[in-house]
Protein backbone atom coordinates (compact mmCIF):
# COMPACT_ATOMS: atom_id res chain seq x y z
CA UNK A 1 0.00 0.00 0.00
CA UNK A 2 1.94 2.97 -1.26
CA UNK A 3 1.14 5.60 1.35
CA UNK A 4 4.41 5.99 3.25
CA UNK A 5 4.75 9.57 2.05
CA UNK A 6 2.40 10.74 4.77
CA UNK A 7 3.13 9.21 8.17
CA UNK A 8 0.75 11.59 9.91
CA UNK A 9 -2.10 10.55 7.65
CA UNK A 10 -1.34 6.91 8.28
CA UNK A 11 -1.32 7.32 12.05
CA UNK A 12 -4.52 9.37 11.95
CA UNK A 13 -6.27 6.81 9.72
CA UNK A 14 -5.26 3.96 11.97
CA UNK A 15 -6.44 5.86 15.03
CA UNK A 16 -9.82 6.53 13.44
CA UNK A 17 -10.33 2.83 12.77
CA UNK A 18 -9.33 1.87 16.29
CA UNK A 19 -11.78 4.38 17.76
CA UNK A 20 -14.50 3.37 15.30
CA UNK A 21 -14.22 -0.29 16.18
CA UNK A 22 -13.95 0.49 19.87
CA UNK A 23 -11.26 -2.17 20.29
CA UNK A 24 -7.66 -2.30 21.44
CA UNK A 25 -4.93 -3.48 19.09
CA UNK A 26 -1.42 -4.66 19.75
CA UNK A 27 1.26 -2.14 18.87
CA UNK A 28 2.71 -4.25 16.04
CA UNK A 29 -0.79 -4.58 14.55
CA UNK A 30 -1.43 -0.85 14.21
CA UNK A 31 0.95 -0.25 11.32
CA UNK A 32 3.11 -2.67 9.43
CA UNK A 33 4.97 -0.40 7.00
CA UNK A 34 1.66 0.79 5.53
CA UNK A 35 -1.55 2.53 6.50
CA UNK A 36 -3.94 -0.30 7.26
CA UNK A 37 -4.06 -1.85 10.73
CA UNK A 38 -4.75 -5.52 11.28
CA UNK A 39 -8.24 -5.91 12.75
CA UNK A 40 -9.62 -9.49 12.59
CA UNK A 41 -13.06 -9.90 11.05
CA UNK A 42 -15.49 -12.00 13.15
CA UNK A 43 -16.29 -15.39 11.57
CA UNK A 44 -20.00 -14.66 11.10
CA UNK A 45 -19.11 -11.42 9.29
CA UNK A 46 -16.76 -13.37 7.02
CA UNK A 47 -19.59 -15.78 6.24
CA UNK A 48 -21.90 -12.89 5.41
CA UNK A 49 -19.26 -11.34 3.12
CA UNK A 50 -18.97 -14.60 1.20
CA UNK A 51 -22.76 -14.81 0.99
CA UNK A 52 -22.91 -11.27 -0.41
CA UNK A 53 -20.24 -12.22 -2.94
CA UNK A 54 -22.38 -15.19 -4.01
CA UNK A 55 -19.18 -17.23 -4.00
CA UNK A 56 -19.53 -20.53 -5.82
CA UNK A 57 -17.42 -23.72 -5.69
CA UNK A 58 -14.60 -23.56 -8.19
CA UNK A 59 -14.48 -19.77 -8.31
CA UNK A 60 -11.35 -17.79 -7.47
CA UNK A 61 -11.29 -15.35 -4.54
CA UNK A 62 -8.50 -12.90 -3.70
CA UNK A 63 -8.36 -11.28 -0.26
CA UNK A 64 -6.30 -8.08 -0.25
CA UNK A 65 -4.81 -7.69 3.23
CA UNK A 66 -5.59 -11.24 4.32
CA UNK A 67 -4.39 -11.05 7.94
CA UNK A 68 -4.61 -14.49 9.57
CA UNK A 69 -6.28 -15.89 6.47
CA UNK A 70 -9.79 -16.44 7.78
CA UNK A 71 -11.56 -15.17 4.64
CA UNK A 72 -9.31 -17.25 2.40
CA UNK A 73 -9.77 -20.36 4.54
CA UNK A 74 -13.57 -20.01 4.72
CA UNK A 75 -13.73 -19.44 0.96
CA UNK A 76 -11.72 -22.61 0.41
CA UNK A 77 -14.05 -24.49 2.76
CA UNK A 78 -16.87 -23.50 0.41
CA UNK A 79 -15.06 -25.15 -2.48
CA UNK A 80 -13.48 -22.03 -3.97
CA UNK A 81 -9.84 -21.46 -4.78
CA UNK A 82 -8.59 -18.60 -2.64
CA UNK A 83 -5.45 -16.48 -2.42
CA UNK A 84 -4.48 -13.96 0.26
CA UNK A 85 -1.78 -11.30 0.25
CA UNK A 86 -0.45 -9.39 3.23
CA UNK A 87 2.64 -7.31 3.95
CA UNK A 88 3.19 -8.85 7.38
CA UNK A 89 5.14 -12.16 7.15
CA UNK A 90 3.73 -13.32 10.48
CA UNK A 91 0.17 -12.89 9.26
CA UNK A 92 1.00 -14.90 6.16
CA UNK A 93 2.46 -17.66 8.32
CA UNK A 94 -0.73 -17.60 10.38
CA UNK A 95 -2.81 -17.95 7.22
CA UNK A 96 -0.78 -20.90 5.98
CA UNK A 97 -1.08 -22.61 9.38
CA UNK A 98 -4.84 -21.98 9.57
CA UNK A 99 -5.34 -23.37 6.06
CA UNK A 100 -3.43 -26.51 7.02
CA UNK A 101 -5.44 -26.89 10.22
CA UNK A 102 -8.68 -26.61 8.23
CA UNK A 103 -7.45 -29.12 5.64
CA UNK A 104 -7.73 -26.71 2.69
CA UNK A 105 -4.06 -26.03 1.88
CA UNK A 106 -4.65 -27.33 -1.65
CA UNK A 107 -7.14 -24.49 -2.30
CA UNK A 108 -5.92 -21.73 0.04
CA UNK A 109 -2.59 -20.02 -0.64
CA UNK A 110 -0.89 -16.96 0.79
CA UNK A 111 1.94 -14.63 -0.13
CA UNK A 112 3.82 -11.72 1.41
CA UNK A 113 2.97 -9.10 -1.17
CA UNK A 114 1.87 -5.51 -1.65
CA UNK A 115 -1.78 -5.51 -2.66
CA UNK A 116 -0.99 -2.88 -5.31
CA UNK A 117 1.36 -5.36 -6.96
CA UNK A 118 -1.25 -8.12 -6.94
CA UNK A 119 -2.83 -9.22 -10.21
CA UNK A 120 -6.58 -9.38 -9.61
CA UNK A 121 -7.61 -9.83 -13.25
CA UNK A 122 -8.47 -13.52 -12.81
CA UNK A 123 -10.49 -13.08 -9.61
CA UNK A 124 -14.18 -13.86 -9.55
CA UNK A 125 -14.38 -12.21 -6.13
CA UNK A 126 -12.13 -9.70 -4.34
CA UNK A 127 -12.58 -8.97 -0.63
CA UNK A 128 -11.03 -6.17 1.42
CA UNK A 129 -11.03 -4.66 4.90
CA UNK A 130 -8.98 -1.55 4.20
CA UNK A 131 -9.04 2.11 5.12
CA UNK A 132 -10.98 4.61 2.98
CA UNK A 133 -7.89 6.22 1.43
CA UNK A 134 -6.52 2.81 0.53
CA UNK A 135 -9.82 1.86 -1.09
CA UNK A 136 -9.83 5.04 -3.17
CA UNK A 137 -6.29 4.42 -4.42
CA UNK A 138 -7.19 0.80 -5.14
CA UNK A 139 -10.39 1.64 -7.02
CA UNK A 140 -8.84 2.39 -10.44
CA UNK A 141 -6.98 -0.93 -10.33
CA UNK A 142 -10.21 -2.77 -9.49
CA UNK A 143 -12.11 -1.17 -12.35
CA UNK A 144 -9.27 -1.69 -14.81
CA UNK A 145 -8.29 -5.26 -13.95
CA UNK A 146 -11.42 -7.03 -12.75
CA UNK A 147 -13.63 -8.46 -15.48
CA UNK A 148 -17.27 -7.38 -15.86
CA UNK A 149 -19.45 -9.57 -13.67
CA UNK A 150 -16.77 -10.16 -11.03
CA UNK A 151 -17.73 -9.14 -7.50
CA UNK A 152 -16.16 -6.92 -4.85
CA UNK A 153 -17.07 -7.02 -1.16
CA UNK A 154 -15.65 -4.63 1.44
CA UNK A 155 -15.94 -4.56 5.20
CA UNK A 156 -16.62 -1.22 6.97
CA UNK A 157 -15.48 1.16 4.23
CA UNK A 158 -16.91 1.78 0.77
CA UNK A 159 -15.23 2.82 -2.49
CA UNK A 160 -16.02 6.52 -2.45
CA UNK A 161 -19.17 8.62 -2.38
CA UNK A 162 -19.50 8.56 -6.18
CA UNK A 163 -19.42 4.76 -6.61
CA UNK A 164 -22.51 3.54 -4.81
CA UNK A 165 -22.56 -0.14 -3.82
CA UNK A 166 -25.07 -2.48 -5.38
CA UNK A 167 -25.92 -3.88 -1.95
CA UNK A 168 -25.22 -3.12 1.71
CA UNK A 169 -25.69 -5.13 4.86
CA UNK A 170 -25.41 -4.52 8.59
CA UNK A 171 -24.44 -7.40 10.85
CA UNK A 172 -24.29 -6.34 14.49
CA UNK A 173 -23.02 -2.92 13.50
CA UNK A 174 -20.55 -4.26 10.94
CA UNK A 175 -21.34 -2.56 7.64
CA UNK A 176 -20.66 -4.53 4.46
CA UNK A 177 -20.74 -3.34 0.86
CA UNK A 178 -20.82 -5.26 -2.42
CA UNK A 179 -20.47 -4.38 -6.09
CA UNK A 180 -20.66 -6.23 -9.38
CA UNK A 181 -18.00 -4.87 -11.73
CA UNK A 182 -19.82 -3.22 -14.66
CA UNK A 183 -18.99 -3.63 -18.33
CA UNK A 184 -17.51 -0.55 -20.03
CA UNK A 185 -20.14 0.93 -22.33
CA UNK A 186 -19.16 4.59 -22.63
CA UNK A 187 -19.12 5.87 -26.21
CA UNK A 188 -21.28 5.55 -29.30
CA UNK A 189 -23.41 2.52 -30.17
CA UNK A 190 -25.45 1.88 -33.31
CA UNK A 191 -28.63 0.00 -32.42
CA UNK A 192 -30.84 -2.02 -34.73
CA UNK A 193 -34.25 -3.09 -33.45
CA UNK A 194 -37.75 -3.95 -34.59
CA UNK A 195 -38.84 -0.52 -33.37
CA UNK A 196 -36.35 1.20 -35.66
CA UNK A 197 -32.68 2.10 -35.63
CA UNK A 198 -31.02 4.63 -33.39
CA UNK A 199 -27.60 5.75 -32.20
CA UNK A 200 -26.75 5.93 -28.50
CA UNK A 201 -24.11 8.33 -27.16
CA UNK A 202 -23.47 6.82 -23.74
CA UNK A 203 -22.01 8.62 -20.73
CA UNK A 204 -21.24 5.96 -18.10
CA UNK A 205 -20.77 6.44 -14.35
CA UNK A 206 -19.83 3.06 -12.91
CA UNK A 207 -22.98 0.87 -13.02
CA UNK A 208 -25.32 3.61 -14.27
CA UNK A 209 -25.32 5.57 -17.51
CA UNK A 210 -27.11 8.31 -19.39
CA UNK A 211 -27.44 8.41 -23.14
CA UNK A 212 -28.76 10.60 -25.90
CA UNK A 213 -30.60 8.48 -28.45
CA UNK A 214 -30.57 9.76 -32.03
CA UNK A 215 -33.56 8.07 -33.63
CA UNK A 216 -33.29 7.48 -37.35
CA UNK A 217 -35.83 7.18 -40.12
CA UNK A 218 -35.39 6.38 -43.77
CA UNK A 219 -36.68 8.89 -46.30
CA UNK A 220 -35.85 8.16 -49.91
CA UNK A 221 -33.23 8.48 -51.16
CA UNK A 222 -31.24 8.83 -47.92
CA UNK A 223 -31.19 8.17 -44.20
CA UNK A 224 -32.06 11.17 -42.05
CA UNK A 225 -32.16 11.69 -38.29
CA UNK A 226 -35.69 12.20 -37.08
CA UNK A 227 -35.16 13.36 -33.51
CA UNK A 228 -33.02 13.05 -30.40
CA UNK A 229 -34.34 11.80 -27.07
CA UNK A 230 -32.88 10.74 -23.75
CA UNK A 231 -32.94 7.16 -22.51
CA UNK A 232 -34.13 6.48 -18.97
CA UNK A 233 -33.02 4.12 -16.22
CA UNK A 234 -29.70 3.13 -17.80
CA UNK A 235 -28.26 0.38 -15.63
CA UNK A 236 -25.47 -2.23 -15.71
CA UNK A 237 -25.18 -5.40 -13.65
CA UNK A 238 -21.89 -6.84 -14.79
CA UNK A 239 -22.43 -7.55 -18.49
CA UNK A 240 -26.22 -7.18 -18.25
CA UNK A 241 -27.50 -3.86 -19.60
CA UNK A 242 -30.94 -2.30 -19.49
CA UNK A 243 -32.48 1.05 -20.42
CA UNK A 244 -35.81 2.52 -21.48
CA UNK A 245 -36.42 4.57 -24.61
CA UNK A 246 -39.50 6.14 -26.14
CA UNK A 247 -39.42 5.74 -29.93
CA UNK A 248 -42.65 7.70 -30.28
CA UNK A 249 -45.08 4.97 -29.29
CA UNK A 250 -44.44 4.90 -25.54
CA UNK A 251 -41.44 3.74 -23.50
CA UNK A 252 -39.89 0.39 -24.25
CA UNK A 253 -37.39 -1.36 -21.95
CA UNK A 254 -34.36 -2.83 -23.69
CA UNK A 255 -32.32 -5.56 -22.02
CA UNK A 256 -29.19 -7.17 -23.36
CA UNK A 257 -25.75 -8.60 -22.69
CA UNK A 258 -22.53 -6.69 -23.39
CA UNK A 259 -19.88 -8.69 -25.22
CA UNK A 260 -16.91 -6.38 -25.71
CA UNK A 261 -17.93 -4.12 -28.63
CA UNK A 262 -21.34 -5.65 -29.24
CA UNK A 263 -24.58 -5.94 -27.30
CA UNK A 264 -26.72 -9.02 -27.83
CA UNK A 265 -30.38 -8.23 -27.27
CA UNK A 266 -32.48 -10.26 -24.84
CA UNK A 267 -35.71 -8.25 -24.84
CA UNK A 268 -37.22 -7.20 -27.11
CA UNK A 269 -35.99 -10.07 -29.26
CA UNK A 270 -33.41 -9.66 -32.00
CA UNK A 271 -32.18 -6.19 -31.19
CA UNK A 272 -28.45 -5.68 -31.30
CA UNK A 273 -25.89 -2.91 -30.95
CA UNK A 274 -22.34 -2.33 -32.18
CA UNK A 275 -19.85 0.15 -30.77
CA UNK A 276 -18.83 2.68 -33.43
CA UNK A 277 -16.48 5.68 -33.58
CA UNK A 278 -18.06 9.05 -32.94
């Protein structure tokens, strides 16, 4: 966690967490070269985090700042493959020992590593219990590396006021947040549908988007633009996309699946979209 430039900020952040949790931490747990203190997550909270992540057997979970490995071990007990990274060698040793004790060493691995040097591109689920400033610095890496449809679950701290979670939970005062990583749909799309053709200029903000729809009509001998309208309720859930548009006969909800530079229509049937240059 690259935040050593500001020792005062680190100490203040750690102090805030200690006060917020209302617990006492050992001195060597407060800071280990970085900003985030080690605060164990209660087992029932870990279970709830994995439930929120909808973790399935065979999936791959990465815990950033894995501490004694309890999230990684419980994920492996559910049949997932799990990997934890932590800067503290003792915590990593604890994780390895706990995995062995639980009989899941074949599915639970640990490494002494900076979370910002950790490749998360293959993760189906990423879990964290990090300070707000760490989350904000980590956010671009999450959005860049994690595939659409992968899930993120955080304990206590969210990912910034502008990226609202898809779900929240409160377990005995422990606040949990979860997100599904949205597909990237910003830009121009040419849509063909039974209602007519139109061009969408999409402005995306995480899992929501706005778009101007330029509705086309064909008048011999050329194609002309009839009018421009705004879509409503633009939403992404991983690769699933939905929005409403009024083509002049009342609003119609479009649902589809984003596949890189194309959208395959689900409802209404047979609509499709292709990303095009502006």
